[in-house]
C-alpha atoms as a PDB file:
ATOM      1  CA  MET A   1      90.498 141.103 174.062  1.00  0.00           C
ATOM      2  CA  SER A   2      93.484 143.283 173.120  1.00  0.00           C
ATOM      3  CA  THR A   3      93.062 146.848 171.864  1.00  0.00           C
ATOM      4  CA  ASP A   4      94.260 145.778 168.399  1.00  0.00           C
ATOM      5  CA  THR A   5      91.716 142.952 168.257  1.00  0.00           C
ATOM      6  CA  LYS A   6      88.894 145.230 169.414  1.00  0.00           C
ATOM      7  CA  GLN A   7      89.720 147.698 166.654  1.00  0.00           C
ATOM      8  CA  ILE A   8      89.626 144.923 164.034  1.00  0.00           C
ATOM      9  CA  VAL A   9      86.274 143.647 165.325  1.00  0.00           C
ATOM     10  CA  GLU A  10      84.783 147.151 165.342  1.00  0.00           C
ATOM     11  CA  GLN A  11      85.998 147.690 161.773  1.00  0.00           C
ATOM     12  CA  LEU A  12      84.343 144.450 160.690  1.00  0.00           C
ATOM     13  CA  ARG A  13      81.085 145.360 162.392  1.00  0.00           C
ATOM     14  CA  SER A  14      81.030 148.802 160.815  1.00  0.00           C
ATOM     15  CA  GLU A  15      81.637 147.374 157.339  1.00  0.00           C
ATOM     16  CA  TYR A  16      79.451 144.278 157.461  1.00  0.00           C
ATOM     17  CA  GLY A  17      76.951 144.889 160.299  1.00  0.00           C
ATOM     18  CA  ASN A  18      75.569 141.764 161.974  1.00  0.00           C
ATOM     19  CA  THR A  19      75.017 139.742 158.802  1.00  0.00           C
ATOM     20  CA  GLY A  20      77.837 137.356 159.652  1.00  0.00           C
ATOM     21  CA  ASN A  21      79.111 137.781 156.088  1.00  0.00           C
ATOM     22  CA  TYR A  22      82.549 138.919 157.190  1.00  0.00           C
ATOM     23  CA  GLN A  23      85.348 139.498 154.745  1.00  0.00           C
ATOM     24  CA  PHE A  24      88.419 140.486 156.659  1.00  0.00           C
ATOM     25  CA  PRO A  25      89.798 143.953 155.931  1.00  0.00           C
ATOM     26  CA  THR A  26      93.119 144.512 154.240  1.00  0.00           C
ATOM     27  CA  GLU A  27      96.042 146.868 154.708  1.00  0.00           C
ATOM     28  CA  ILE A  28      98.477 148.344 152.206  1.00  0.00           C
ATOM     29  CA  VAL A  29     102.109 147.601 153.063  1.00  0.00           C
ATOM     30  CA  GLU A  30     104.871 149.752 151.614  1.00  0.00           C
ATOM     31  CA  LEU A  31     107.899 147.759 150.429  1.00  0.00           C
ATOM     32  CA  PRO A  32     111.435 148.889 151.409  1.00  0.00           C
ATOM     33  CA  SER A  33     112.452 148.660 147.732  1.00  0.00           C
ATOM     34  CA  ARG A  34     109.575 150.983 146.728  1.00  0.00           C
ATOM     35  CA  GLY A  35     109.348 148.756 143.658  1.00  0.00           C
ATOM     36  CA  HIS A  36     112.446 150.529 142.305  1.00  0.00           C
ATOM     37  CA  PHE A  37     114.351 147.420 141.199  1.00  0.00           C
ATOM     38  CA  TYR A  38     111.481 145.459 139.637  1.00  0.00           C
ATOM     39  CA  PRO A  39     110.782 145.500 135.883  1.00  0.00           C
ATOM     40  CA  LYS A  40     108.046 147.932 134.920  1.00  0.00           C
ATOM     41  CA  ASP A  41     105.706 145.122 133.862  1.00  0.00           C
ATOM     42  CA  ASN A  42     106.060 143.320 137.206  1.00  0.00           C
ATOM     43  CA  PRO A  43     103.119 144.090 139.545  1.00  0.00           C
ATOM     44  CA  LEU A  44     105.615 144.497 142.403  1.00  0.00           C
ATOM     45  CA  SER A  45     106.917 147.655 140.718  1.00  0.00           C
ATOM     46  CA  SER A  46     103.999 149.373 142.462  1.00  0.00           C
ATOM     47  CA  GLY A  47     106.179 149.330 145.562  1.00  0.00           C
ATOM     48  CA  LYS A  48     103.468 147.943 147.800  1.00  0.00           C
ATOM     49  CA  VAL A  49     101.350 144.906 148.545  1.00  0.00           C
ATOM     50  CA  GLU A  50      97.848 144.522 149.890  1.00  0.00           C
ATOM     51  CA  MET A  51      97.609 142.072 152.798  1.00  0.00           C
ATOM     52  CA  LYS A  52      94.617 140.668 154.638  1.00  0.00           C
ATOM     53  CA  TYR A  53      94.358 140.130 158.353  1.00  0.00           C
ATOM     54  CA  MET A  54      95.329 136.701 159.623  1.00  0.00           C
ATOM     55  CA  THR A  55      92.485 134.229 160.123  1.00  0.00           C
ATOM     56  CA  ALA A  56      92.117 130.693 161.441  1.00  0.00           C
ATOM     57  CA  LYS A  57      93.144 129.496 157.972  1.00  0.00           C
ATOM     58  CA  GLU A  58      96.571 131.103 158.392  1.00  0.00           C
ATOM     59  CA  GLU A  59      96.895 129.683 161.903  1.00  0.00           C
ATOM     60  CA  ASP A  60      96.306 126.265 160.380  1.00  0.00           C
ATOM     61  CA  ILE A  61      99.203 126.975 158.029  1.00  0.00           C
ATOM     62  CA  LEU A  62     101.436 127.953 160.970  1.00  0.00           C
ATOM     63  CA  THR A  63     100.758 124.635 162.696  1.00  0.00           C
ATOM     64  CA  THR A  64     101.066 122.370 159.650  1.00  0.00           C
ATOM     65  CA  GLN A  65     103.960 120.068 160.545  1.00  0.00           C
ATOM     66  CA  SER A  66     104.859 119.208 156.945  1.00  0.00           C
ATOM     67  CA  TYR A  67     105.339 122.925 156.153  1.00  0.00           C
ATOM     68  CA  ILE A  68     107.428 123.394 159.291  1.00  0.00           C
ATOM     69  CA  GLN A  69     109.630 120.384 158.515  1.00  0.00           C
ATOM     70  CA  GLN A  70     110.140 121.560 154.924  1.00  0.00           C
ATOM     71  CA  GLY A  71     111.032 125.062 156.132  1.00  0.00           C
ATOM     72  CA  VAL A  72     108.317 126.685 153.995  1.00  0.00           C
ATOM     73  CA  VAL A  73     105.745 127.553 156.660  1.00  0.00           C
ATOM     74  CA  LEU A  74     106.362 131.324 156.578  1.00  0.00           C
ATOM     75  CA  ASP A  75     106.346 131.368 152.786  1.00  0.00           C
ATOM     76  CA  LYS A  76     102.987 129.587 152.788  1.00  0.00           C
ATOM     77  CA  LEU A  77     101.714 132.088 155.346  1.00  0.00           C
ATOM     78  CA  LEU A  78     102.693 135.112 153.246  1.00  0.00           C
ATOM     79  CA  GLN A  79     101.296 133.609 150.066  1.00  0.00           C
ATOM     80  CA  SER A  80      97.970 133.209 151.864  1.00  0.00           C
ATOM     81  CA  MET A  81      97.925 136.732 153.320  1.00  0.00           C
ATOM     82  CA  ILE A  82      99.072 138.719 150.266  1.00  0.00           C
ATOM     83  CA  VAL A  83      96.046 139.749 148.220  1.00  0.00           C
ATOM     84  CA  SER A  84      97.455 141.957 145.459  1.00  0.00           C
ATOM     85  CA  ASN A  85     100.018 144.616 144.600  1.00  0.00           C
ATOM     86  CA  GLY A  86      97.756 147.292 146.047  1.00  0.00           C
ATOM     87  CA  ASN A  87      96.293 148.065 142.632  1.00  0.00           C
ATOM     88  CA  GLY A  88      94.268 144.874 142.319  1.00  0.00           C
ATOM     89  CA  GLU A  89      96.938 142.961 140.374  1.00  0.00           C
ATOM     90  CA  LYS A  90      98.017 139.524 141.569  1.00  0.00           C
ATOM     91  CA  ILE A  91     101.696 139.105 142.312  1.00  0.00           C
ATOM     92  CA  ASN A  92     104.063 136.167 142.014  1.00  0.00           C
ATOM     93  CA  TYR A  93     105.445 135.737 145.527  1.00  0.00           C
ATOM     94  CA  ASN A  94     108.633 134.142 144.196  1.00  0.00           C
ATOM     95  CA  ASP A  95     109.416 137.376 142.313  1.00  0.00           C
ATOM     96  CA  MET A  96     109.625 139.330 145.566  1.00  0.00           C
ATOM     97  CA  LEU A  97     113.052 140.562 146.625  1.00  0.00           C
ATOM     98  CA  LEU A  98     114.195 139.156 149.968  1.00  0.00           C
ATOM     99  CA  CYS A  99     114.537 142.645 151.428  1.00  0.00           C
ATOM    100  CA  ASP A 100     110.811 143.089 150.769  1.00  0.00           C
ATOM    101  CA  VAL A 101     109.914 139.616 152.059  1.00  0.00           C
ATOM    102  CA  ASN A 102     111.428 140.485 155.449  1.00  0.00           C
ATOM    103  CA  ALA A 103     109.321 143.645 155.705  1.00  0.00           C
ATOM    104  CA  VAL A 104     106.153 141.778 154.708  1.00  0.00           C
ATOM    105  CA  LEU A 105     106.879 139.191 157.417  1.00  0.00           C
ATOM    106  CA  ILE A 106     106.797 141.937 160.032  1.00  0.00           C
ATOM    107  CA  SER A 107     103.516 143.254 158.632  1.00  0.00           C
ATOM    108  CA  ALA A 108     102.061 139.734 158.700  1.00  0.00           C
ATOM    109  CA  ARG A 109     102.923 139.497 162.408  1.00  0.00           C
ATOM    110  CA  VAL A 110     101.144 142.816 163.068  1.00  0.00           C
ATOM    111  CA  LEU A 111      98.067 141.734 161.099  1.00  0.00           C
ATOM    112  CA  GLY A 112      98.002 138.452 162.974  1.00  0.00           C
ATOM    113  CA  TYR A 113      98.822 139.125 166.595  1.00  0.00           C
ATOM    114  CA  GLY A 114      99.066 142.892 166.917  1.00  0.00           C
ATOM    115  CA  LYS A 115     101.828 145.466 166.937  1.00  0.00           C
ATOM    116  CA  ASP A 116     103.350 144.652 170.339  1.00  0.00           C
ATOM    117  CA  TYR A 117     106.133 142.072 170.352  1.00  0.00           C
ATOM    118  CA  THR A 118     107.845 141.021 173.576  1.00  0.00           C
ATOM    119  CA  PHE A 119     111.228 139.315 173.471  1.00  0.00           C
ATOM    120  CA  LYS A 120     114.124 138.489 175.764  1.00  0.00           C
ATOM    121  CA  VAL A 121     117.417 140.289 175.419  1.00  0.00           C
ATOM    122  CA  THR A 122     120.752 140.163 177.239  1.00  0.00           C
ATOM    123  CA  THR A 123     121.906 143.554 178.457  1.00  0.00           C
ATOM    124  CA  PRO A 124     125.524 144.803 178.335  1.00  0.00           C
ATOM    125  CA  SER A 125     125.712 144.023 182.073  1.00  0.00           C
ATOM    126  CA  GLY A 126     124.924 140.382 181.277  1.00  0.00           C
ATOM    127  CA  LYS A 127     121.390 140.212 182.632  1.00  0.00           C
ATOM    128  CA  GLU A 128     118.489 138.786 180.645  1.00  0.00           C
ATOM    129  CA  GLN A 129     115.378 140.960 180.582  1.00  0.00           C
ATOM    130  CA  GLU A 130     112.161 141.279 178.594  1.00  0.00           C
ATOM    131  CA  HIS A 131     111.377 144.187 176.316  1.00  0.00           C
ATOM    132  CA  THR A 132     108.301 145.043 174.253  1.00  0.00           C
ATOM    133  CA  ILE A 133     108.498 146.958 170.981  1.00  0.00           C
ATOM    134  CA  ASP A 134     105.876 148.439 168.683  1.00  0.00           C
ATOM    135  CA  LEU A 135     106.469 146.727 165.343  1.00  0.00           C
ATOM    136  CA  THR A 136     104.630 149.489 163.466  1.00  0.00           C
ATOM    137  CA  GLN A 137     107.369 151.922 164.501  1.00  0.00           C
ATOM    138  CA  LEU A 138     110.087 150.049 162.620  1.00  0.00           C
ATOM    139  CA  MET A 139     111.182 152.162 159.672  1.00  0.00           C
ATOM    140  CA  PRO A 140     113.265 151.540 156.528  1.00  0.00           C
ATOM    141  CA  ASP A 141     116.900 152.588 156.663  1.00  0.00           C
ATOM    142  CA  ASP A 142     117.833 155.686 154.672  1.00  0.00           C
ATOM    143  CA  PHE A 143     118.484 154.649 151.099  1.00  0.00           C
ATOM    144  CA  ASP A 144     119.403 156.867 148.147  1.00  0.00           C
ATOM    145  CA  PHE A 145     117.390 155.411 145.256  1.00  0.00           C
ATOM    146  CA  SER A 146     118.593 158.196 142.939  1.00  0.00           C
ATOM    147  CA  LYS A 147     122.003 156.473 142.748  1.00  0.00           C
ATOM    148  CA  TYR A 148     120.531 153.501 140.891  1.00  0.00           C
ATOM    149  CA  PRO A 149     118.606 153.223 137.610  1.00  0.00           C
ATOM    150  CA  LYS A 150     114.935 152.385 138.034  1.00  0.00           C
ATOM    151  CA  GLU A 151     113.632 148.949 136.930  1.00  0.00           C
ATOM    152  CA  ILE A 152     117.138 147.444 136.856  1.00  0.00           C
ATOM    153  CA  ASN A 153     118.329 144.892 139.405  1.00  0.00           C
ATOM    154  CA  LEU A 154     121.986 144.921 138.405  1.00  0.00           C
ATOM    155  CA  PHE A 155     125.010 146.463 140.139  1.00  0.00           C
ATOM    156  CA  GLU A 156     128.749 146.534 139.465  1.00  0.00           C
ATOM    157  CA  ILE A 157     131.721 146.064 141.769  1.00  0.00           C
ATOM    158  CA  GLU A 158     135.484 145.689 141.295  1.00  0.00           C
ATOM    159  CA  LEU A 159     136.957 143.576 144.060  1.00  0.00           C
ATOM    160  CA  PRO A 160     139.859 145.198 145.944  1.00  0.00           C
ATOM    161  CA  ALA A 161     142.291 142.248 146.040  1.00  0.00           C
ATOM    162  CA  SER A 162     141.757 140.252 142.850  1.00  0.00           C
ATOM    163  CA  LYS A 163     140.476 143.206 140.773  1.00  0.00           C
ATOM    164  CA  ARG A 164     137.811 140.906 139.324  1.00  0.00           C
ATOM    165  CA  LYS A 165     134.806 142.806 138.006  1.00  0.00           C
ATOM    166  CA  LEU A 166     131.409 141.495 139.023  1.00  0.00           C
ATOM    167  CA  GLU A 167     127.812 142.177 138.177  1.00  0.00           C
ATOM    168  CA  ILE A 168     125.566 141.372 141.119  1.00  0.00           C
ATOM    169  CA  LYS A 169     121.858 141.502 141.930  1.00  0.00           C
ATOM    170  CA  LEU A 170     119.467 141.617 144.862  1.00  0.00           C
ATOM    171  CA  LEU A 171     118.219 138.128 145.663  1.00  0.00           C
ATOM    172  CA  SER A 172     114.579 137.151 145.231  1.00  0.00           C
ATOM    173  CA  GLN A 173     112.436 134.559 146.952  1.00  0.00           C
ATOM    174  CA  ARG A 174     112.937 132.371 143.856  1.00  0.00           C
ATOM    175  CA  ASP A 175     116.701 132.561 144.440  1.00  0.00           C
ATOM    176  CA  GLN A 176     116.203 131.648 148.086  1.00  0.00           C
ATOM    177  CA  ILE A 177     114.410 128.445 147.110  1.00  0.00           C
ATOM    178  CA  GLU A 178     117.388 127.388 144.976  1.00  0.00           C
ATOM    179  CA  ILE A 179     119.862 128.453 147.667  1.00  0.00           C
ATOM    180  CA  ASP A 180     118.093 126.311 150.264  1.00  0.00           C
ATOM    181  CA  LYS A 181     118.171 123.319 147.934  1.00  0.00           C
ATOM    182  CA  GLU A 182     121.879 123.703 147.210  1.00  0.00           C
ATOM    183  CA  VAL A 183     122.838 124.262 150.847  1.00  0.00           C
ATOM    184  CA  LYS A 184     120.921 121.134 151.865  1.00  0.00           C
ATOM    185  CA  MET A 185     122.586 119.114 149.098  1.00  0.00           C
ATOM    186  CA  ASN A 186     126.045 120.420 150.051  1.00  0.00           C
ATOM    187  CA  LYS A 187     125.477 119.573 153.703  1.00  0.00           C
ATOM    188  CA  LYS A 188     124.826 115.946 152.791  1.00  0.00           C
ATOM    189  CA  ALA A 189     127.777 115.740 150.415  1.00  0.00           C
ATOM    190  CA  MET A 190     130.254 117.601 152.646  1.00  0.00           C
ATOM    191  CA  GLY A 191     129.735 115.953 155.990  1.00  0.00           C
ATOM    192  CA  GLY A 192     127.447 118.590 157.451  1.00  0.00           C
ATOM    193  CA  LEU A 193     129.364 121.655 156.243  1.00  0.00           C
ATOM    194  CA  ASP A 194     127.096 124.719 156.141  1.00  0.00           C
ATOM    195  CA  THR A 195     127.708 126.563 152.851  1.00  0.00           C
ATOM    196  CA  SER A 196     124.934 129.147 153.348  1.00  0.00           C
ATOM    197  CA  LEU A 197     127.249 132.167 153.170  1.00  0.00           C
ATOM    198  CA  SER A 198     129.159 131.211 150.017  1.00  0.00           C
ATOM    199  CA  THR A 199     126.048 129.876 148.269  1.00  0.00           C
ATOM    200  CA  ARG A 200     124.152 133.096 148.937  1.00  0.00           C
ATOM    201  CA  LEU A 201     127.061 135.107 147.550  1.00  0.00           C
ATOM    202  CA  LYS A 202     127.232 132.900 144.461  1.00  0.00           C
ATOM    203  CA  TYR A 203     123.560 133.408 143.687  1.00  0.00           C
ATOM    204  CA  SER A 204     124.023 137.166 144.066  1.00  0.00           C
ATOM    205  CA  ILE A 205     126.587 137.121 141.260  1.00  0.00           C
ATOM    206  CA  VAL A 206     125.289 137.623 137.726  1.00  0.00           C
ATOM    207  CA  SER A 207     128.649 137.647 135.929  1.00  0.00           C
ATOM    208  CA  VAL A 208     132.392 137.510 136.579  1.00  0.00           C
ATOM    209  CA  ASP A 209     134.509 139.598 134.200  1.00  0.00           C
ATOM    210  CA  GLY A 210     131.615 139.493 131.755  1.00  0.00           C
ATOM    211  CA  LYS A 211     131.099 135.718 131.958  1.00  0.00           C
ATOM    212  CA  SER A 212     127.829 134.430 133.405  1.00  0.00           C
ATOM    213  CA  ASP A 213     128.149 130.634 133.007  1.00  0.00           C
ATOM    214  CA  VAL A 214     127.881 128.333 136.025  1.00  0.00           C
ATOM    215  CA  ILE A 215     131.416 126.935 135.653  1.00  0.00           C
ATOM    216  CA  THR A 216     132.954 130.413 135.819  1.00  0.00           C
ATOM    217  CA  LYS A 217     130.913 131.393 138.873  1.00  0.00           C
ATOM    218  CA  ASN A 218     131.661 128.132 140.703  1.00  0.00           C
ATOM    219  CA  SER A 219     135.387 128.455 139.990  1.00  0.00           C
ATOM    220  CA  PHE A 220     135.333 132.063 141.150  1.00  0.00           C
ATOM    221  CA  MET A 221     133.630 131.167 144.442  1.00  0.00           C
ATOM    222  CA  ASN A 222     136.054 128.312 145.108  1.00  0.00           C
ATOM    223  CA  ASN A 223     138.948 130.788 144.918  1.00  0.00           C
ATOM    224  CA  LEU A 224     137.306 133.869 146.435  1.00  0.00           C
ATOM    225  CA  LEU A 225     139.705 135.610 148.823  1.00  0.00           C
ATOM    226  CA  ALA A 226     138.333 136.496 152.254  1.00  0.00           C
ATOM    227  CA  LEU A 227     139.188 140.149 151.646  1.00  0.00           C
ATOM    228  CA  ASP A 228     137.150 140.162 148.445  1.00  0.00           C
ATOM    229  CA  SER A 229     134.327 138.264 150.135  1.00  0.00           C
ATOM    230  CA  LYS A 230     134.136 140.958 152.809  1.00  0.00           C
ATOM    231  CA  ALA A 231     134.019 143.690 150.156  1.00  0.00           C
ATOM    232  CA  LEU A 232     131.308 141.842 148.243  1.00  0.00           C
ATOM    233  CA  ARG A 233     129.159 141.436 151.350  1.00  0.00           C
ATOM    234  CA  LYS A 234     129.605 145.113 152.163  1.00  0.00           C
ATOM    235  CA  LYS A 235     128.514 146.076 148.652  1.00  0.00           C
ATOM    236  CA  ILE A 236     125.435 143.854 148.902  1.00  0.00           C
ATOM    237  CA  ASN A 237     124.490 145.560 152.171  1.00  0.00           C
ATOM    238  CA  GLU A 238     124.905 148.962 150.537  1.00  0.00           C
ATOM    239  CA  ILE A 239     122.555 148.186 147.645  1.00  0.00           C
ATOM    240  CA  THR A 240     119.881 146.537 149.795  1.00  0.00           C
ATOM    241  CA  PRO A 241     117.003 148.693 151.086  1.00  0.00           C
ATOM    242  CA  THR A 242     115.913 147.227 154.406  1.00  0.00           C
ATOM    243  CA  VAL A 243     113.775 147.815 157.477  1.00  0.00           C
ATOM    244  CA  ASN A 244     115.930 148.835 160.439  1.00  0.00           C
ATOM    245  CA  LEU A 245     115.519 146.117 163.065  1.00  0.00           C
ATOM    246  CA  GLU A 246     117.687 147.846 165.676  1.00  0.00           C
ATOM    247  CA  VAL A 247     115.914 149.233 168.736  1.00  0.00           C
ATOM    248  CA  ASP A 248     116.951 151.249 171.783  1.00  0.00           C
ATOM    249  CA  ILE A 249     116.433 149.362 175.044  1.00  0.00           C
ATOM    250  CA  PRO A 250     116.879 150.683 178.600  1.00  0.00           C
ATOM    251  CA  ASP A 251     118.987 148.473 180.876  1.00  0.00           C
ATOM    252  CA  GLU A 252     116.794 147.798 183.924  1.00  0.00           C
ATOM    253  CA  ASP A 253     119.848 147.600 186.207  1.00  0.00           C
ATOM    254  CA  THR A 254     121.833 150.643 185.103  1.00  0.00           C
ATOM    255  CA  GLY A 255     119.147 152.778 183.479  1.00  0.00           C
ATOM    256  CA  GLU A 256     121.413 153.286 180.481  1.00  0.00           C
ATOM    257  CA  THR A 257     120.093 152.698 176.982  1.00  0.00           C
ATOM    258  CA  PHE A 258     121.748 150.263 174.610  1.00  0.00           C
ATOM    259  CA  ARG A 259     121.014 149.530 170.945  1.00  0.00           C
ATOM    260  CA  THR A 260     120.528 146.036 169.551  1.00  0.00           C
ATOM    261  CA  ALA A 261     118.757 144.203 166.733  1.00  0.00           C
ATOM    262  CA  PHE A 262     115.713 142.418 168.068  1.00  0.00           C
ATOM    263  CA  PRO A 263     115.546 138.667 167.429  1.00  0.00           C
ATOM    264  CA  ILE A 264     112.800 137.112 165.319  1.00  0.00           C
ATOM    265  CA  GLY A 265     112.414 133.884 167.212  1.00  0.00           C
ATOM    266  CA  LEU A 266     109.890 131.064 167.393  1.00  0.00           C
ATOM    267  CA  ASP A 267     107.378 133.161 169.310  1.00  0.00           C
ATOM    268  CA  PHE A 268     107.320 135.870 166.619  1.00  0.00           C
ATOM    269  CA  PHE A 269     104.488 133.956 164.907  1.00  0.00           C
ATOM    270  CA  TRP A 270     103.712 131.517 167.704  1.00  0.00           C
ATOM    271  CA  PRO A 271     103.072 133.842 170.664  1.00  0.00           C
ATOM    272  CA  SER A 272     102.079 130.998 172.966  1.00  0.00           C
ATOM    273  CA  ALA A 273     105.071 128.788 172.044  1.00  0.00           C
END
């Protein structure tokens, strides 16, 4: 039994004795957004969520083939593990910003299989080696919230080449559902072309030169210059509070340390895969 598992069991025993009436403990998870960009009346404006430890029920979700084939298995997992906004209020998972979803995914992994995650990485010298990180040590990137009004998910940018003025937003899980649908539809209609990048950008756009209709946004995306696309993606990165997934890893051959983003692969939630 791992140290993490022993600690969980001891916590359960101390809270519920030997009655067998176990109710798994919960943890409060701080969101990278701090709730800053949610409307005041949205429970997610608390800036945190309460999550329960993973149980056999959640493992059933992880192995449900229909969820895996539909690409919704991790969403189903998080919906099952999130209890409240930390203040006892239920949240709508689809309201959650994607930057917060990613952080909650990491917390779900910790609450399921512990803080240690081992993955394979290719060193600068070209050798593949294993490295283990402590997921609880991952921290949000520095982000200056004072630059942006609270409770408003709306940002402005003037593109450098075309000089078009855009209003953009941080994407939510609800947006991601629509993006996935559109990308899948486009792939069928366009001979397998993957439009993930342009579709994600389109859904980030609220208005173009003050116009917010679908025709205007579609026309804009069809004529978006690569230079402007790069500037738009840079702006989106700037306004997105995220957990820093880069870690320092020592090269076993040279002893030198290199920095890389760790991969979230199949074994992130399926350790025995």
